[in-house]
């Protein structure tokens, strides 16, 4: 069983069809036996991303509300959730000194580091953000960009 740590750029792909959606659905398939991990803060980022799509007219208000409800339900059982705690905050701050990341991206990678420190095998870091993937590789994580050409 492999653990895949999803940043929000790929979490959205499970709910909105875009490049990489098929690969994400494959990872999430129960038959694959994988575990999917997310940072608790992804709830905020996800809602922001979905509401931005709604405001741009890409997704209806009703569909947006349904997607948010579905994701909230999945947070209750489908995902391993890494909480944002002082360890994650301190690690995120340190990562900003090493890599050119946005604050939430540093928090995402710090969450993966915190989760990985409690596991025998490091999780794979999954993102569509190339800068964040390079930082994750710099921290020794296997990485995956589901939207990349195979």
Protein backbone atom coordinates (compact mmCIF):
# COMPACT_ATOMS: atom_id res chain seq x y z
CA UNK A 1 0.00 0.00 0.00
CA UNK A 2 1.39 3.39 -1.03
CA UNK A 3 0.55 6.71 0.55
CA UNK A 4 0.07 9.71 -1.72
CA UNK A 5 0.09 13.17 -0.17
CA UNK A 6 -2.12 15.48 -2.26
CA UNK A 7 -1.70 19.22 -2.40
CA UNK A 8 -4.81 21.20 -3.30
CA UNK A 9 -3.91 21.57 -6.99
CA UNK A 10 -4.45 17.82 -7.41
CA UNK A 11 -7.18 17.44 -4.79
CA UNK A 12 -9.35 19.64 -7.03
CA UNK A 13 -8.79 17.19 -9.90
CA UNK A 14 -10.83 14.60 -7.99
CA UNK A 15 -13.87 16.91 -8.18
CA UNK A 16 -13.44 19.02 -11.33
CA UNK A 17 -12.48 17.45 -14.65
CA UNK A 18 -9.18 18.88 -15.89
CA UNK A 19 -5.83 17.50 -17.10
CA UNK A 20 -4.75 14.83 -14.61
CA UNK A 21 -8.25 13.93 -13.41
CA UNK A 22 -8.15 10.41 -14.82
CA UNK A 23 -4.83 9.64 -13.12
CA UNK A 24 -6.13 11.03 -9.81
CA UNK A 25 -9.29 8.94 -10.05
CA UNK A 26 -7.06 5.92 -10.62
CA UNK A 27 -5.03 6.72 -7.50
CA UNK A 28 -8.20 7.20 -5.45
CA UNK A 29 -9.78 3.97 -6.65
CA UNK A 30 -10.34 1.66 -3.69
CA UNK A 31 -9.13 -1.28 -5.75
CA UNK A 32 -5.66 0.23 -5.91
CA UNK A 33 -5.21 0.00 -2.12
CA UNK A 34 -3.57 3.42 -1.86
CA UNK A 35 -4.06 5.86 0.98
CA UNK A 36 -4.53 9.54 0.17
CA UNK A 37 -3.30 12.14 2.64
CA UNK A 38 -4.08 15.86 2.74
CA UNK A 39 -3.33 18.81 4.98
CA UNK A 40 -6.30 20.04 7.01
CA UNK A 41 -5.73 23.47 5.47
CA UNK A 42 -6.63 21.98 2.07
CA UNK A 43 -10.28 22.44 3.05
CA UNK A 44 -9.76 26.22 2.86
CA UNK A 45 -7.73 26.09 -0.35
CA UNK A 46 -10.22 23.73 -2.00
CA UNK A 47 -13.17 25.96 -1.18
CA UNK A 48 -11.26 28.97 -2.51
CA UNK A 49 -10.43 27.18 -5.78
CA UNK A 50 -14.00 25.96 -6.29
CA UNK A 51 -15.56 29.34 -5.45
CA UNK A 52 -13.16 31.04 -7.89
CA UNK A 53 -14.38 28.66 -10.61
CA UNK A 54 -17.96 29.53 -9.67
CA UNK A 55 -17.28 33.28 -9.81
CA UNK A 56 -15.61 32.87 -13.20
CA UNK A 57 -18.78 31.16 -14.45
CA UNK A 58 -17.11 27.77 -14.99
CA UNK A 59 -19.23 25.98 -12.36
CA UNK A 60 -22.81 26.73 -11.26
CA UNK A 61 -23.57 27.80 -7.70
CA UNK A 62 -25.50 24.58 -7.08
CA UNK A 63 -22.69 22.41 -8.43
CA UNK A 64 -20.16 24.33 -6.35
CA UNK A 65 -22.15 23.75 -3.17
CA UNK A 66 -22.42 20.05 -4.02
CA UNK A 67 -18.69 19.73 -4.67
CA UNK A 68 -17.87 21.39 -1.35
CA UNK A 69 -20.27 19.07 0.51
CA UNK A 70 -18.76 16.03 -1.22
CA UNK A 71 -15.21 17.08 -0.35
CA UNK A 72 -16.21 17.77 3.28
CA UNK A 73 -17.70 14.27 3.48
CA UNK A 74 -14.51 12.79 2.06
CA UNK A 75 -12.48 14.61 4.71
CA UNK A 76 -14.41 12.60 7.29
CA UNK A 77 -13.20 9.23 6.05
CA UNK A 78 -11.57 9.04 2.64
CA UNK A 79 -8.40 10.97 3.45
CA UNK A 80 -5.68 10.73 6.05
CA UNK A 81 -5.69 14.28 7.39
CA UNK A 82 -2.48 15.89 8.63
CA UNK A 83 -3.41 18.63 11.08
CA UNK A 84 -1.77 22.02 11.01
CA UNK A 85 0.09 22.24 14.31
CA UNK A 86 3.12 24.09 15.66
CA UNK A 87 5.49 21.53 14.11
CA UNK A 88 3.97 22.12 10.66
CA UNK A 89 4.07 25.91 11.09
CA UNK A 90 7.73 25.88 12.17
CA UNK A 91 8.69 23.55 9.32
CA UNK A 92 6.80 25.69 6.79
CA UNK A 93 8.65 28.78 7.95
CA UNK A 94 11.98 26.97 7.58
CA UNK A 95 11.04 25.76 4.08
CA UNK A 96 10.45 29.36 3.00
CA UNK A 97 14.12 30.04 3.75
CA UNK A 98 15.16 27.18 1.44
CA UNK A 99 12.72 27.29 -1.48
CA UNK A 100 10.83 29.99 -3.44
CA UNK A 101 7.39 28.83 -2.25
CA UNK A 102 4.13 30.59 -1.46
CA UNK A 103 3.10 30.37 2.19
CA UNK A 104 0.34 27.76 1.73
CA UNK A 105 2.63 25.68 -0.50
CA UNK A 106 5.27 25.68 2.24
CA UNK A 107 2.57 24.58 4.69
CA UNK A 108 1.56 21.75 2.32
CA UNK A 109 5.13 20.47 2.07
CA UNK A 110 5.62 20.85 5.82
CA UNK A 111 2.49 18.76 6.37
CA UNK A 112 3.93 16.04 4.16
CA UNK A 113 7.20 16.17 6.11
CA UNK A 114 5.29 15.82 9.40
CA UNK A 115 3.29 12.88 8.07
CA UNK A 116 6.36 11.26 6.55
CA UNK A 117 8.28 11.47 9.83
CA UNK A 118 5.76 9.03 11.35
CA UNK A 119 5.87 6.52 8.51
CA UNK A 120 8.28 3.76 7.56
CA UNK A 121 7.99 4.56 3.85
CA UNK A 122 7.86 8.18 2.74
CA UNK A 123 4.65 9.23 1.01
CA UNK A 124 4.74 10.36 -2.61
CA UNK A 125 4.09 14.09 -2.94
CA UNK A 126 1.46 14.78 -5.61
CA UNK A 127 1.05 18.24 -7.11
CA UNK A 128 0.62 20.09 -10.39
CA UNK A 129 2.83 22.95 -9.15
CA UNK A 130 6.30 22.46 -10.60
CA UNK A 131 8.02 24.72 -8.07
CA UNK A 132 6.43 22.81 -5.21
CA UNK A 133 7.36 19.47 -6.79
CA UNK A 134 11.01 20.58 -7.05
CA UNK A 135 10.99 21.55 -3.36
CA UNK A 136 9.44 18.18 -2.45
CA UNK A 137 12.17 16.43 -4.45
CA UNK A 138 14.72 18.57 -2.60
CA UNK A 139 13.29 17.16 0.64
CA UNK A 140 13.70 13.62 -0.66
CA UNK A 141 10.10 12.78 -1.56
CA UNK A 142 9.11 10.80 -4.62
CA UNK A 143 6.86 13.09 -6.64
CA UNK A 144 4.03 12.79 -9.12
CA UNK A 145 2.40 15.35 -11.40
CA UNK A 146 -0.81 13.70 -12.63
CA UNK A 147 -1.28 16.34 -15.31
CA UNK A 148 2.14 15.76 -16.88
CA UNK A 149 2.44 13.94 -20.17
CA UNK A 150 3.26 10.28 -19.54
